[in-house]
């Protein structure tokens, strides 16, 4: 009898704690659009200014203990993520921008800070899917917006919008 009561209480406690444990706590998630790109071709590379911005992003986030880096498989997003990946010794994991659900689930299951690199038309939706507030749409010529999503133990998310992730002139 005592065992069954104890078991019932453990089951109840587990059920009550499950929502809080849904985030295995990447306490901070960074979401950014790729840096400046050339106007050439269907899969353009970064411009010199974009490369400088990617290196700045890598320096900014390099000391945060990044646990994982996610990017769409385009050259511009991969090149934006690469300096941080090289500095942190991590491989960039690619995801399908049209179907980000699996990546979102992976991010929620990780511990430690995470970087997600996307596109002007996908970053606001990614921010929302991760529980943040996206704000205004990202303009075609806007490359300096960095979202910092701070996930509390209860799963609530605070959105901090950082701008001027500057590329050296």
N, C-alpha and C. Protein backbone atom coordinates (compact mmCIF):
# COMPACT_ATOMS: atom_id res chain seq x y z
N UNK A 1 0.82 -1.19 0.00
CA UNK A 1 0.00 0.00 0.00
C UNK A 1 0.88 1.26 0.00
N UNK A 2 1.86 1.28 0.88
CA UNK A 2 2.75 2.42 0.96
C UNK A 2 3.51 2.61 -0.35
N UNK A 3 3.96 1.49 -0.94
CA UNK A 3 4.66 1.55 -2.22
C UNK A 3 3.78 2.13 -3.31
N UNK A 4 2.53 1.71 -3.37
CA UNK A 4 1.66 2.20 -4.43
C UNK A 4 1.36 3.69 -4.25
N UNK A 5 1.25 4.15 -3.00
CA UNK A 5 1.05 5.60 -2.78
C UNK A 5 2.29 6.39 -3.19
N UNK A 6 3.43 5.88 -2.82
CA UNK A 6 4.69 6.53 -3.19
C UNK A 6 4.83 6.57 -4.71
N UNK A 7 4.54 5.45 -5.36
CA UNK A 7 4.60 5.40 -6.82
C UNK A 7 3.63 6.41 -7.45
N UNK A 8 2.42 6.47 -6.92
CA UNK A 8 1.41 7.41 -7.45
C UNK A 8 1.88 8.84 -7.28
N UNK A 9 2.51 9.15 -6.16
CA UNK A 9 3.03 10.52 -5.94
C UNK A 9 4.17 10.84 -6.90
N UNK A 10 5.03 9.86 -7.15
CA UNK A 10 6.13 10.07 -8.10
C UNK A 10 5.60 10.32 -9.51
N UNK A 11 4.59 9.56 -9.90
CA UNK A 11 3.98 9.75 -11.21
C UNK A 11 3.36 11.13 -11.30
N UNK A 12 2.65 11.55 -10.26
CA UNK A 12 2.02 12.87 -10.24
C UNK A 12 3.09 13.97 -10.30
N UNK A 13 4.15 13.83 -9.51
CA UNK A 13 5.22 14.83 -9.53
C UNK A 13 5.87 14.90 -10.90
N UNK A 14 6.09 13.76 -11.53
CA UNK A 14 6.67 13.74 -12.88
C UNK A 14 5.78 14.46 -13.88
N UNK A 15 4.49 14.23 -13.78
CA UNK A 15 3.55 14.87 -14.69
C UNK A 15 3.53 16.37 -14.50
N UNK A 16 3.63 16.81 -13.26
CA UNK A 16 3.62 18.25 -12.98
C UNK A 16 4.92 18.92 -13.42
N UNK A 17 6.02 18.21 -13.35
CA UNK A 17 7.31 18.79 -13.71
C UNK A 17 7.60 18.69 -15.21
N UNK A 18 6.91 17.86 -15.92
CA UNK A 18 7.20 17.66 -17.35
C UNK A 18 7.22 18.95 -18.15
N UNK A 19 6.23 19.87 -17.99
CA UNK A 19 6.29 21.10 -18.78
C UNK A 19 7.55 21.92 -18.50
N UNK A 20 7.98 21.96 -17.24
CA UNK A 20 9.18 22.72 -16.91
C UNK A 20 10.42 22.07 -17.51
N UNK A 21 10.38 20.76 -17.68
CA UNK A 21 11.53 20.07 -18.22
C UNK A 21 11.52 20.00 -19.74
N UNK A 22 10.48 20.54 -20.37
CA UNK A 22 10.40 20.53 -21.83
C UNK A 22 11.62 21.23 -22.44
N UNK A 23 12.11 22.25 -21.79
CA UNK A 23 13.35 22.89 -22.19
C UNK A 23 14.44 22.27 -21.33
N UNK A 24 15.33 21.52 -21.93
CA UNK A 24 16.43 20.93 -21.18
C UNK A 24 17.50 21.98 -20.96
N UNK A 25 17.18 23.20 -21.25
CA UNK A 25 17.88 24.43 -20.96
C UNK A 25 19.07 24.77 -21.82
N UNK A 26 18.84 25.06 -23.12
CA UNK A 26 19.84 25.96 -23.66
C UNK A 26 19.41 27.29 -23.09
N UNK A 27 20.08 27.77 -22.09
CA UNK A 27 19.62 28.96 -21.40
C UNK A 27 19.61 30.17 -22.31
N UNK A 28 20.44 30.16 -23.32
CA UNK A 28 20.46 31.27 -24.27
C UNK A 28 20.51 30.71 -25.68
N UNK A 29 19.61 31.22 -26.52
CA UNK A 29 19.59 30.86 -27.94
C UNK A 29 19.79 32.14 -28.73
N UNK A 30 20.78 32.14 -29.59
CA UNK A 30 21.03 33.28 -30.47
C UNK A 30 20.48 32.94 -31.85
N UNK A 31 19.72 33.86 -32.41
CA UNK A 31 19.16 33.66 -33.75
C UNK A 31 19.55 34.87 -34.59
N UNK A 32 20.12 34.62 -35.75
CA UNK A 32 20.63 35.70 -36.59
C UNK A 32 20.38 35.39 -38.06
N UNK A 33 20.19 36.44 -38.81
CA UNK A 33 20.15 36.30 -40.27
C UNK A 33 21.59 36.23 -40.76
N UNK A 34 21.81 35.57 -41.89
CA UNK A 34 23.15 35.53 -42.48
C UNK A 34 23.66 36.95 -42.71
N UNK A 35 24.97 37.07 -42.83
CA UNK A 35 25.60 38.37 -43.08
C UNK A 35 25.43 38.77 -44.55
N UNK A 36 25.95 39.94 -44.89
CA UNK A 36 25.80 40.49 -46.25
C UNK A 36 26.27 39.51 -47.31
N UNK A 37 25.47 39.41 -48.38
CA UNK A 37 25.74 38.45 -49.45
C UNK A 37 25.95 39.18 -50.77
N UNK A 38 26.63 38.49 -51.69
CA UNK A 38 26.78 39.03 -53.03
C UNK A 38 25.44 38.89 -53.74
N UNK A 39 25.32 39.56 -54.88
CA UNK A 39 24.07 39.48 -55.65
C UNK A 39 24.17 38.44 -56.74
N UNK A 40 25.17 37.59 -56.66
CA UNK A 40 25.45 36.65 -57.75
C UNK A 40 24.85 35.27 -57.49
N UNK A 41 24.14 34.75 -58.47
CA UNK A 41 23.69 33.36 -58.46
C UNK A 41 22.57 33.04 -57.50
N UNK A 42 22.19 31.77 -57.52
CA UNK A 42 21.10 31.29 -56.66
C UNK A 42 21.57 31.00 -55.25
N UNK A 43 22.87 30.75 -55.06
CA UNK A 43 23.41 30.44 -53.74
C UNK A 43 24.65 31.32 -53.50
N UNK A 44 24.43 32.61 -53.28
CA UNK A 44 25.55 33.55 -53.18
C UNK A 44 26.39 33.36 -51.92
N UNK A 45 27.61 33.81 -52.03
CA UNK A 45 28.54 33.81 -50.90
C UNK A 45 28.44 35.14 -50.17
N UNK A 46 29.17 35.26 -49.07
CA UNK A 46 29.21 36.52 -48.34
C UNK A 46 30.15 37.50 -49.05
N UNK A 47 29.82 38.77 -48.93
CA UNK A 47 30.71 39.83 -49.40
C UNK A 47 31.85 39.97 -48.38
N UNK A 48 32.82 40.82 -48.69
CA UNK A 48 33.90 41.08 -47.73
C UNK A 48 33.32 41.65 -46.43
N UNK A 49 32.33 42.55 -46.55
CA UNK A 49 31.71 43.09 -45.35
C UNK A 49 30.96 41.99 -44.58
N UNK A 50 30.31 41.09 -45.30
CA UNK A 50 29.62 39.97 -44.67
C UNK A 50 30.59 39.04 -43.95
N UNK A 51 31.74 38.79 -44.57
CA UNK A 51 32.75 37.96 -43.92
C UNK A 51 33.26 38.62 -42.64
N UNK A 52 33.45 39.93 -42.71
CA UNK A 52 33.89 40.65 -41.51
C UNK A 52 32.82 40.57 -40.42
N UNK A 53 31.56 40.70 -40.81
CA UNK A 53 30.47 40.61 -39.82
C UNK A 53 30.43 39.21 -39.21
N UNK A 54 30.62 38.17 -40.03
CA UNK A 54 30.61 36.79 -39.53
C UNK A 54 31.74 36.58 -38.52
N UNK A 55 32.91 37.15 -38.79
CA UNK A 55 34.03 37.04 -37.85
C UNK A 55 33.73 37.79 -36.55
N UNK A 56 33.09 38.95 -36.68
CA UNK A 56 32.70 39.70 -35.48
C UNK A 56 31.71 38.89 -34.65
N UNK A 57 30.74 38.28 -35.29
CA UNK A 57 29.78 37.43 -34.59
C UNK A 57 30.51 36.28 -33.89
N UNK A 58 31.46 35.68 -34.57
CA UNK A 58 32.24 34.60 -33.97
C UNK A 58 33.00 35.04 -32.74
N UNK A 59 33.60 36.23 -32.81
CA UNK A 59 34.31 36.77 -31.64
C UNK A 59 33.34 37.08 -30.51
N UNK A 60 32.18 37.64 -30.85
CA UNK A 60 31.18 37.98 -29.82
C UNK A 60 30.69 36.75 -29.08
N UNK A 61 30.39 35.69 -29.82
CA UNK A 61 29.78 34.50 -29.22
C UNK A 61 30.80 33.43 -28.85
N UNK A 62 32.05 33.65 -29.23
CA UNK A 62 33.08 32.63 -29.00
C UNK A 62 33.36 32.31 -27.55
N UNK A 63 33.07 33.22 -26.67
CA UNK A 63 33.35 32.99 -25.25
C UNK A 63 32.10 32.63 -24.46
N UNK A 64 31.02 32.33 -25.17
CA UNK A 64 29.76 32.01 -24.48
C UNK A 64 29.62 30.52 -24.18
N UNK A 65 30.54 29.70 -24.67
CA UNK A 65 30.42 28.27 -24.46
C UNK A 65 29.38 27.64 -25.36
N UNK A 66 29.27 28.14 -26.58
CA UNK A 66 28.28 27.63 -27.55
C UNK A 66 28.32 26.10 -27.57
N UNK A 67 27.13 25.50 -27.46
CA UNK A 67 27.02 24.04 -27.43
C UNK A 67 26.68 23.47 -28.81
N UNK A 68 26.03 24.28 -29.65
CA UNK A 68 25.64 23.79 -30.98
C UNK A 68 25.39 24.98 -31.90
N UNK A 69 25.60 24.73 -33.20
CA UNK A 69 25.38 25.74 -34.23
C UNK A 69 24.52 25.11 -35.32
N UNK A 70 23.44 25.80 -35.67
CA UNK A 70 22.52 25.32 -36.72
C UNK A 70 22.46 26.36 -37.83
N UNK A 71 22.41 25.89 -39.07
CA UNK A 71 22.36 26.77 -40.23
C UNK A 71 21.60 26.07 -41.35
N UNK A 72 20.97 26.87 -42.19
CA UNK A 72 20.43 26.28 -43.41
C UNK A 72 21.63 25.88 -44.28
N UNK A 73 21.44 25.06 -45.30
CA UNK A 73 22.58 24.59 -46.08
C UNK A 73 23.08 25.54 -47.17
N UNK A 74 22.65 26.80 -47.16
CA UNK A 74 23.14 27.73 -48.18
C UNK A 74 24.53 28.23 -47.81
N UNK A 75 25.27 28.67 -48.84
CA UNK A 75 26.64 29.13 -48.59
C UNK A 75 26.67 30.33 -47.65
N UNK A 76 25.75 31.28 -47.84
CA UNK A 76 25.79 32.50 -47.02
C UNK A 76 25.53 32.22 -45.54
N UNK A 77 24.63 31.29 -45.23
CA UNK A 77 24.37 30.99 -43.82
C UNK A 77 25.52 30.16 -43.23
N UNK A 78 26.01 29.21 -43.99
CA UNK A 78 27.13 28.41 -43.51
C UNK A 78 28.37 29.28 -43.29
N UNK A 79 28.61 30.22 -44.21
CA UNK A 79 29.77 31.11 -44.06
C UNK A 79 29.59 32.06 -42.87
N UNK A 80 28.36 32.40 -42.54
CA UNK A 80 28.10 33.24 -41.37
C UNK A 80 28.41 32.46 -40.09
N UNK A 81 28.09 31.18 -40.07
CA UNK A 81 28.31 30.34 -38.89
C UNK A 81 29.75 29.86 -38.76
N UNK A 82 30.48 29.79 -39.85
CA UNK A 82 31.79 29.13 -39.87
C UNK A 82 32.82 29.71 -38.90
N UNK A 83 32.99 31.03 -38.78
CA UNK A 83 34.00 31.52 -37.84
C UNK A 83 33.76 31.05 -36.40
N UNK A 84 32.51 31.06 -35.96
CA UNK A 84 32.20 30.57 -34.61
C UNK A 84 32.44 29.08 -34.51
N UNK A 85 32.07 28.34 -35.56
CA UNK A 85 32.29 26.89 -35.56
C UNK A 85 33.78 26.58 -35.45
N UNK A 86 34.59 27.28 -36.21
CA UNK A 86 36.04 27.06 -36.18
C UNK A 86 36.61 27.39 -34.80
N UNK A 87 36.15 28.48 -34.23
CA UNK A 87 36.65 28.91 -32.92
C UNK A 87 36.23 27.95 -31.82
N UNK A 88 35.03 27.42 -31.92
CA UNK A 88 34.50 26.56 -30.85
C UNK A 88 34.76 25.08 -31.08
N UNK A 89 35.25 24.72 -32.28
CA UNK A 89 35.52 23.33 -32.58
C UNK A 89 34.26 22.50 -32.82
N UNK A 90 33.18 23.16 -33.21
CA UNK A 90 31.92 22.47 -33.45
C UNK A 90 31.64 22.36 -34.95
N UNK A 91 30.93 21.32 -35.33
CA UNK A 91 30.44 21.21 -36.70
C UNK A 91 29.13 21.98 -36.79
N UNK A 92 28.90 22.61 -37.92
CA UNK A 92 27.63 23.30 -38.15
C UNK A 92 26.62 22.25 -38.59
N UNK A 93 25.50 22.19 -37.88
CA UNK A 93 24.43 21.25 -38.22
C UNK A 93 23.44 21.97 -39.12
N UNK A 94 23.09 21.37 -40.24
CA UNK A 94 22.17 22.02 -41.16
C UNK A 94 20.73 21.58 -40.89
N UNK A 95 19.82 22.49 -41.24
CA UNK A 95 18.39 22.21 -41.11
C UNK A 95 17.68 22.74 -42.34
N UNK A 96 16.49 22.25 -42.56
CA UNK A 96 15.65 22.65 -43.68
C UNK A 96 14.84 23.87 -43.27
N UNK A 97 15.08 25.01 -43.90
CA UNK A 97 14.38 26.24 -43.54
C UNK A 97 12.87 26.12 -43.72
N UNK A 98 12.44 25.28 -44.66
CA UNK A 98 11.01 25.10 -44.90
C UNK A 98 10.35 24.19 -43.87
N UNK A 99 11.17 23.40 -43.17
CA UNK A 99 10.65 22.46 -42.16
C UNK A 99 11.55 22.52 -40.92
N UNK A 100 11.48 23.61 -40.15
CA UNK A 100 12.41 23.77 -39.03
C UNK A 100 12.04 22.99 -37.76
N UNK A 101 10.93 22.27 -37.76
CA UNK A 101 10.45 21.61 -36.55
C UNK A 101 11.46 20.70 -35.88
N UNK A 102 12.15 19.87 -36.66
CA UNK A 102 13.13 18.94 -36.07
C UNK A 102 14.28 19.71 -35.43
N UNK A 103 14.73 20.77 -36.09
CA UNK A 103 15.80 21.58 -35.52
C UNK A 103 15.34 22.25 -34.23
N UNK A 104 14.13 22.78 -34.22
CA UNK A 104 13.58 23.42 -33.02
C UNK A 104 13.58 22.42 -31.86
N UNK A 105 13.15 21.19 -32.12
CA UNK A 105 13.15 20.15 -31.09
C UNK A 105 14.56 19.86 -30.59
N UNK A 106 15.53 19.82 -31.50
CA UNK A 106 16.92 19.58 -31.10
C UNK A 106 17.43 20.72 -30.21
N UNK A 107 17.14 21.95 -30.60
CA UNK A 107 17.58 23.10 -29.81
C UNK A 107 17.00 23.03 -28.41
N UNK A 108 15.72 22.70 -28.30
CA UNK A 108 15.07 22.62 -27.00
C UNK A 108 15.63 21.51 -26.12
N UNK A 109 16.21 20.49 -26.74
CA UNK A 109 16.74 19.36 -25.98
C UNK A 109 18.20 19.57 -25.54
N UNK A 110 18.86 20.59 -26.08
CA UNK A 110 20.27 20.81 -25.78
C UNK A 110 20.45 21.58 -24.47
N UNK A 111 21.65 21.46 -23.93
CA UNK A 111 22.02 22.31 -22.81
C UNK A 111 23.15 23.21 -23.29
N UNK A 112 23.16 24.43 -22.83
CA UNK A 112 24.17 25.39 -23.24
C UNK A 112 23.67 26.29 -24.35
N UNK A 113 24.38 27.38 -24.58
CA UNK A 113 24.00 28.34 -25.62
C UNK A 113 24.03 27.73 -27.02
N UNK A 114 23.14 28.22 -27.88
CA UNK A 114 22.99 27.71 -29.24
C UNK A 114 22.91 28.89 -30.19
N UNK A 115 23.50 28.75 -31.39
CA UNK A 115 23.35 29.73 -32.46
C UNK A 115 22.55 29.10 -33.58
N UNK A 116 21.54 29.84 -34.07
CA UNK A 116 20.76 29.43 -35.23
C UNK A 116 20.89 30.53 -36.27
N UNK A 117 21.34 30.16 -37.47
CA UNK A 117 21.50 31.13 -38.57
C UNK A 117 20.43 30.84 -39.62
N UNK A 118 19.71 31.89 -40.00
CA UNK A 118 18.64 31.74 -40.98
C UNK A 118 18.65 32.87 -41.99
N UNK A 119 17.48 33.20 -42.48
CA UNK A 119 17.30 34.17 -43.56
C UNK A 119 16.30 35.24 -43.12
N UNK A 120 16.26 36.34 -43.86
CA UNK A 120 15.36 37.45 -43.49
C UNK A 120 13.92 37.00 -43.38
N UNK A 121 13.52 36.06 -44.23
CA UNK A 121 12.13 35.61 -44.21
C UNK A 121 11.87 34.44 -43.28
N UNK A 122 12.92 33.88 -42.65
CA UNK A 122 12.72 32.75 -41.74
C UNK A 122 13.05 33.08 -40.29
N UNK A 123 13.94 34.02 -40.04
CA UNK A 123 14.37 34.32 -38.67
C UNK A 123 13.20 34.73 -37.77
N UNK A 124 12.32 35.64 -38.20
CA UNK A 124 11.21 35.99 -37.29
C UNK A 124 10.36 34.78 -36.90
N UNK A 125 10.10 33.88 -37.83
CA UNK A 125 9.31 32.69 -37.49
C UNK A 125 10.08 31.76 -36.56
N UNK A 126 11.39 31.63 -36.77
CA UNK A 126 12.20 30.81 -35.87
C UNK A 126 12.15 31.36 -34.45
N UNK A 127 12.26 32.68 -34.33
CA UNK A 127 12.19 33.31 -33.01
C UNK A 127 10.86 32.97 -32.34
N UNK A 128 9.77 33.05 -33.09
CA UNK A 128 8.45 32.72 -32.53
C UNK A 128 8.36 31.26 -32.14
N UNK A 129 8.85 30.36 -32.99
CA UNK A 129 8.81 28.93 -32.70
C UNK A 129 9.62 28.57 -31.46
N UNK A 130 10.64 29.37 -31.17
CA UNK A 130 11.47 29.15 -29.99
C UNK A 130 10.92 29.87 -28.76
N UNK A 131 9.75 30.51 -28.91
CA UNK A 131 9.09 31.14 -27.77
C UNK A 131 9.36 32.61 -27.60
N UNK A 132 10.10 33.22 -28.53
CA UNK A 132 10.44 34.63 -28.42
C UNK A 132 9.47 35.54 -29.16
N UNK A 133 9.77 36.82 -29.10
CA UNK A 133 8.98 37.85 -29.79
C UNK A 133 9.84 38.37 -30.94
N UNK A 134 9.33 38.24 -32.16
CA UNK A 134 10.12 38.55 -33.34
C UNK A 134 10.22 40.03 -33.68
N UNK A 135 9.20 40.79 -33.35
CA UNK A 135 9.21 42.20 -33.73
C UNK A 135 8.93 42.39 -35.21
N UNK A 136 9.43 43.49 -35.74
CA UNK A 136 9.17 43.86 -37.14
C UNK A 136 9.87 42.89 -38.10
N UNK A 137 9.33 42.78 -39.32
CA UNK A 137 10.01 41.96 -40.35
C UNK A 137 11.42 42.48 -40.60
N UNK A 138 12.28 41.61 -41.09
CA UNK A 138 13.67 41.99 -41.40
C UNK A 138 13.73 42.47 -42.85
N UNK A 139 14.24 43.67 -43.04
CA UNK A 139 14.36 44.25 -44.38
C UNK A 139 15.45 43.52 -45.18
N UNK A 140 15.33 43.59 -46.50
CA UNK A 140 16.30 42.93 -47.37
C UNK A 140 17.73 43.42 -47.15
N UNK A 141 17.88 44.68 -46.73
CA UNK A 141 19.21 45.25 -46.54
C UNK A 141 19.62 45.30 -45.07
N UNK A 142 18.95 44.55 -44.22
CA UNK A 142 19.22 44.55 -42.78
C UNK A 142 19.97 43.28 -42.39
N UNK A 143 21.18 43.44 -41.87
CA UNK A 143 22.02 42.30 -41.52
C UNK A 143 22.54 42.36 -40.09
N UNK A 144 22.13 43.35 -39.32
CA UNK A 144 22.74 43.56 -38.01
C UNK A 144 21.84 43.19 -36.82
N UNK A 145 20.81 42.41 -37.07
CA UNK A 145 19.88 42.05 -36.00
C UNK A 145 20.25 40.68 -35.43
N UNK A 146 20.48 40.66 -34.11
CA UNK A 146 20.80 39.42 -33.41
C UNK A 146 19.81 39.27 -32.26
N UNK A 147 19.03 38.19 -32.29
CA UNK A 147 18.10 37.89 -31.21
C UNK A 147 18.81 37.05 -30.16
N UNK A 148 18.61 37.43 -28.91
CA UNK A 148 19.09 36.63 -27.79
C UNK A 148 17.85 36.19 -27.02
N UNK A 149 17.57 34.91 -27.06
CA UNK A 149 16.41 34.36 -26.37
C UNK A 149 16.90 33.72 -25.07
N UNK A 150 16.43 34.24 -23.97
CA UNK A 150 16.86 33.73 -22.66
C UNK A 150 15.74 32.86 -22.12
N UNK A 151 16.04 31.59 -21.98
CA UNK A 151 15.03 30.62 -21.55
C UNK A 151 15.18 30.38 -20.05
N UNK A 152 14.12 30.70 -19.31
CA UNK A 152 14.11 30.48 -17.87
C UNK A 152 13.82 29.01 -17.56
N UNK A 153 14.06 28.62 -16.34
CA UNK A 153 13.82 27.24 -15.93
C UNK A 153 12.36 26.81 -16.12
N UNK A 154 11.45 27.78 -16.03
CA UNK A 154 10.03 27.44 -16.21
C UNK A 154 9.61 27.40 -17.68
N UNK A 155 10.57 27.62 -18.60
CA UNK A 155 10.27 27.59 -20.03
C UNK A 155 9.89 28.93 -20.62
N UNK A 156 9.71 29.94 -19.77
CA UNK A 156 9.39 31.26 -20.31
C UNK A 156 10.61 31.83 -21.01
N UNK A 157 10.36 32.64 -22.03
CA UNK A 157 11.44 33.16 -22.86
C UNK A 157 11.42 34.69 -22.84
N UNK A 158 12.58 35.26 -22.57
CA UNK A 158 12.77 36.71 -22.67
C UNK A 158 13.55 36.98 -23.94
N UNK A 159 13.04 37.90 -24.76
CA UNK A 159 13.69 38.23 -26.03
C UNK A 159 14.47 39.52 -25.87
N UNK A 160 15.74 39.48 -26.21
CA UNK A 160 16.58 40.67 -26.24
C UNK A 160 17.02 40.84 -27.69
N UNK A 161 16.72 42.00 -28.25
CA UNK A 161 17.10 42.28 -29.63
C UNK A 161 18.35 43.15 -29.63
N UNK A 162 19.41 42.60 -30.17
CA UNK A 162 20.67 43.33 -30.28
C UNK A 162 20.82 43.77 -31.73
N UNK A 163 21.18 45.02 -31.92
CA UNK A 163 21.44 45.49 -33.28
C UNK A 163 22.85 46.03 -33.33
N UNK A 164 23.29 46.32 -34.52
CA UNK A 164 24.65 46.79 -34.76
C UNK A 164 25.67 45.74 -34.42
N UNK A 165 25.40 44.48 -34.83
CA UNK A 165 26.43 43.46 -34.80
C UNK A 165 27.34 43.89 -35.94
N UNK A 166 28.17 44.87 -35.63
CA UNK A 166 28.87 45.62 -36.65
C UNK A 166 29.98 44.84 -37.32
N UNK A 167 30.13 45.09 -38.58
CA UNK A 167 31.28 44.61 -39.33
C UNK A 167 32.30 45.74 -39.35
N UNK A 168 33.56 45.44 -39.08
CA UNK A 168 34.56 46.50 -39.13
C UNK A 168 34.60 47.14 -40.51
N UNK A 169 34.79 48.46 -40.55
CA UNK A 169 34.87 49.16 -41.83
C UNK A 169 36.25 49.04 -42.43
